[in-house]
Amino acid sequence: MGRLAATANSMLLHKALRNRMWDDSRHVDRQLPGIGSLLADRLAAAGIDHLRKLQDTDPRRIETVTQRHYPFGEICLLWMCVHCRISDVAPYC
């Protein structure tokens, strides 16, 4: 294995250990505070299985899918601003 491949693999491993989750997991939204395995299962069942999909979802739909009350949808999107450093969530930051 070349040095480039070893470096890339070590960076992926570091990212997975830091997030406490593998990259190909269906429950990547569990990285957000307040979302456990039950809410992650509900989001994944609704087709929201990546942080980008969660970011593009309406806050009211997040609340409906997770069966949580207002303002849980906005809080999820704000958590994404703070914890995930996704630049495209500017309307909620």
C-alpha atoms as a PDB file:
ATOM      1  CA  MET A   1       0.000   0.000   0.000  1.00  0.00           C
ATOM      2  CA  GLY A   2       1.366   3.399  -0.955  1.00  0.00           C
ATOM      3  CA  ARG A   3       1.809   6.306   1.375  1.00  0.00           C
ATOM      4  CA  LEU A   4      -1.082   8.205  -0.179  1.00  0.00           C
ATOM      5  CA  ALA A   5      -3.501   5.323   0.359  1.00  0.00           C
ATOM      6  CA  ALA A   6      -2.255   4.810   3.913  1.00  0.00           C
ATOM      7  CA  THR A   7      -2.693   8.520   4.657  1.00  0.00           C
ATOM      8  CA  ALA A   8      -6.199   8.553   3.180  1.00  0.00           C
ATOM      9  CA  ASN A   9      -7.190   5.467   5.174  1.00  0.00           C
ATOM     10  CA  SER A  10      -5.801   6.902   8.388  1.00  0.00           C
ATOM     11  CA  MET A  11      -7.716  10.155   7.816  1.00  0.00           C
ATOM     12  CA  LEU A  12     -10.954   8.204   7.278  1.00  0.00           C
ATOM     13  CA  LEU A  13     -10.294   6.209  10.441  1.00  0.00           C
ATOM     14  CA  HIS A  14      -9.584   9.405  12.399  1.00  0.00           C
ATOM     15  CA  LYS A  15     -12.824  10.965  11.143  1.00  0.00           C
ATOM     16  CA  ALA A  16     -14.813   7.845  12.042  1.00  0.00           C
ATOM     17  CA  LEU A  17     -13.327   7.703  15.543  1.00  0.00           C
ATOM     18  CA  ARG A  18     -13.890  11.429  16.108  1.00  0.00           C
ATOM     19  CA  ASN A  19     -17.549  11.127  15.031  1.00  0.00           C
ATOM     20  CA  ARG A  20     -17.919   7.757  16.787  1.00  0.00           C
ATOM     21  CA  MET A  21     -19.498   6.419  13.588  1.00  0.00           C
ATOM     22  CA  TRP A  22     -18.410   4.881  10.279  1.00  0.00           C
ATOM     23  CA  ASP A  23     -18.865   6.904   7.098  1.00  0.00           C
ATOM     24  CA  ASP A  24     -21.265   4.418   5.511  1.00  0.00           C
ATOM     25  CA  SER A  25     -23.638   4.174   8.482  1.00  0.00           C
ATOM     26  CA  ARG A  26     -27.366   4.753   7.907  1.00  0.00           C
ATOM     27  CA  HIS A  27     -27.512   6.758  11.126  1.00  0.00           C
ATOM     28  CA  VAL A  28     -25.055   9.580  10.522  1.00  0.00           C
ATOM     29  CA  ASP A  29     -27.530  12.001  12.096  1.00  0.00           C
ATOM     30  CA  ARG A  30     -26.793  10.395  15.483  1.00  0.00           C
ATOM     31  CA  GLN A  31     -23.743  12.656  15.544  1.00  0.00           C
ATOM     32  CA  LEU A  32     -26.054  15.513  16.498  1.00  0.00           C
ATOM     33  CA  PRO A  33     -26.850  16.052  20.165  1.00  0.00           C
ATOM     34  CA  GLY A  34     -30.390  15.104  21.064  1.00  0.00           C
ATOM     35  CA  ILE A  35     -30.734  12.453  18.353  1.00  0.00           C
ATOM     36  CA  GLY A  36     -30.417   8.911  19.621  1.00  0.00           C
ATOM     37  CA  SER A  37     -31.008   5.561  17.990  1.00  0.00           C
ATOM     38  CA  LEU A  38     -34.832   5.851  18.002  1.00  0.00           C
ATOM     39  CA  LEU A  39     -34.907   9.243  16.280  1.00  0.00           C
ATOM     40  CA  ALA A  40     -32.160   8.146  13.883  1.00  0.00           C
ATOM     41  CA  ASP A  41     -34.242   5.069  12.979  1.00  0.00           C
ATOM     42  CA  ARG A  42     -37.293   7.248  12.339  1.00  0.00           C
ATOM     43  CA  LEU A  43     -35.312   9.669  10.168  1.00  0.00           C
ATOM     44  CA  ALA A  44     -33.704   6.825   8.204  1.00  0.00           C
ATOM     45  CA  ALA A  45     -37.101   5.199   7.635  1.00  0.00           C
ATOM     46  CA  ALA A  46     -38.306   8.511   6.157  1.00  0.00           C
ATOM     47  CA  GLY A  47     -35.326   8.596   3.784  1.00  0.00           C
ATOM     48  CA  ILE A  48     -33.350  11.179   5.766  1.00  0.00           C
ATOM     49  CA  ASP A  49     -30.160   9.193   6.229  1.00  0.00           C
ATOM     50  CA  HIS A  50     -27.450  11.779   5.524  1.00  0.00           C
ATOM     51  CA  LEU A  51     -26.676  15.130   7.096  1.00  0.00           C
ATOM     52  CA  ARG A  52     -27.142  16.869   3.734  1.00  0.00           C
ATOM     53  CA  LYS A  53     -30.653  15.414   3.438  1.00  0.00           C
ATOM     54  CA  LEU A  54     -31.428  16.526   6.982  1.00  0.00           C
ATOM     55  CA  GLN A  55     -30.112  19.977   6.144  1.00  0.00           C
ATOM     56  CA  ASP A  56     -32.440  20.219   3.125  1.00  0.00           C
ATOM     57  CA  THR A  57     -35.495  19.009   5.056  1.00  0.00           C
ATOM     58  CA  ASP A  58     -38.128  21.429   6.308  1.00  0.00           C
ATOM     59  CA  PRO A  59     -38.049  21.783  10.123  1.00  0.00           C
ATOM     60  CA  ARG A  60     -41.746  20.860  10.362  1.00  0.00           C
ATOM     61  CA  ARG A  61     -41.079  17.598   8.474  1.00  0.00           C
ATOM     62  CA  ILE A  62     -38.254  16.776  10.889  1.00  0.00           C
ATOM     63  CA  GLU A  63     -40.689  17.265  13.777  1.00  0.00           C
ATOM     64  CA  THR A  64     -43.361  15.139  12.095  1.00  0.00           C
ATOM     65  CA  VAL A  65     -41.004  12.279  11.272  1.00  0.00           C
ATOM     66  CA  THR A  66     -39.369  12.230  14.718  1.00  0.00           C
ATOM     67  CA  GLN A  67     -42.695  12.803  16.518  1.00  0.00           C
ATOM     68  CA  ARG A  68     -41.181  15.673  18.474  1.00  0.00           C
ATOM     69  CA  HIS A  69     -42.763  19.045  19.222  1.00  0.00           C
ATOM     70  CA  TYR A  70     -41.906  22.488  17.885  1.00  0.00           C
ATOM     71  CA  PRO A  71     -39.084  23.856  17.816  1.00  0.00           C
ATOM     72  CA  PHE A  72     -37.171  20.552  17.543  1.00  0.00           C
ATOM     73  CA  GLY A  73     -36.734  20.967  13.757  1.00  0.00           C
ATOM     74  CA  GLU A  74     -35.051  24.353  14.083  1.00  0.00           C
ATOM     75  CA  ILE A  75     -32.909  23.109  16.953  1.00  0.00           C
ATOM     76  CA  CYS A  76     -31.656  20.207  14.801  1.00  0.00           C
ATOM     77  CA  LEU A  77     -30.683  22.590  12.027  1.00  0.00           C
ATOM     78  CA  LEU A  78     -28.956  24.927  14.479  1.00  0.00           C
ATOM     79  CA  TRP A  79     -27.035  21.979  15.944  1.00  0.00           C
ATOM     80  CA  MET A  80     -25.874  21.212  12.416  1.00  0.00           C
ATOM     81  CA  CYS A  81     -24.539  24.765  12.095  1.00  0.00           C
ATOM     82  CA  VAL A  82     -22.577  24.479  15.312  1.00  0.00           C
ATOM     83  CA  HIS A  83     -21.392  20.878  15.257  1.00  0.00           C
ATOM     84  CA  CYS A  84     -21.134  19.829  11.620  1.00  0.00           C
ATOM     85  CA  ARG A  85     -19.690  22.929   9.994  1.00  0.00           C
ATOM     86  CA  ILE A  86     -21.866  22.564   6.911  1.00  0.00           C
ATOM     87  CA  SER A  87     -21.624  25.869   5.079  1.00  0.00           C
ATOM     88  CA  ASP A  88     -24.945  25.645   3.251  1.00  0.00           C
ATOM     89  CA  VAL A  89     -27.159  25.988   6.342  1.00  0.00           C
ATOM     90  CA  ALA A  90     -26.676  29.742   6.504  1.00  0.00           C
ATOM     91  CA  PRO A  91     -30.425  30.530   6.837  1.00  0.00           C
ATOM     92  CA  TYR A  92     -30.456  28.726  10.187  1.00  0.00           C
ATOM     93  CA  CYS A  93     -27.105  29.944  11.537  1.00  0.00           C
END
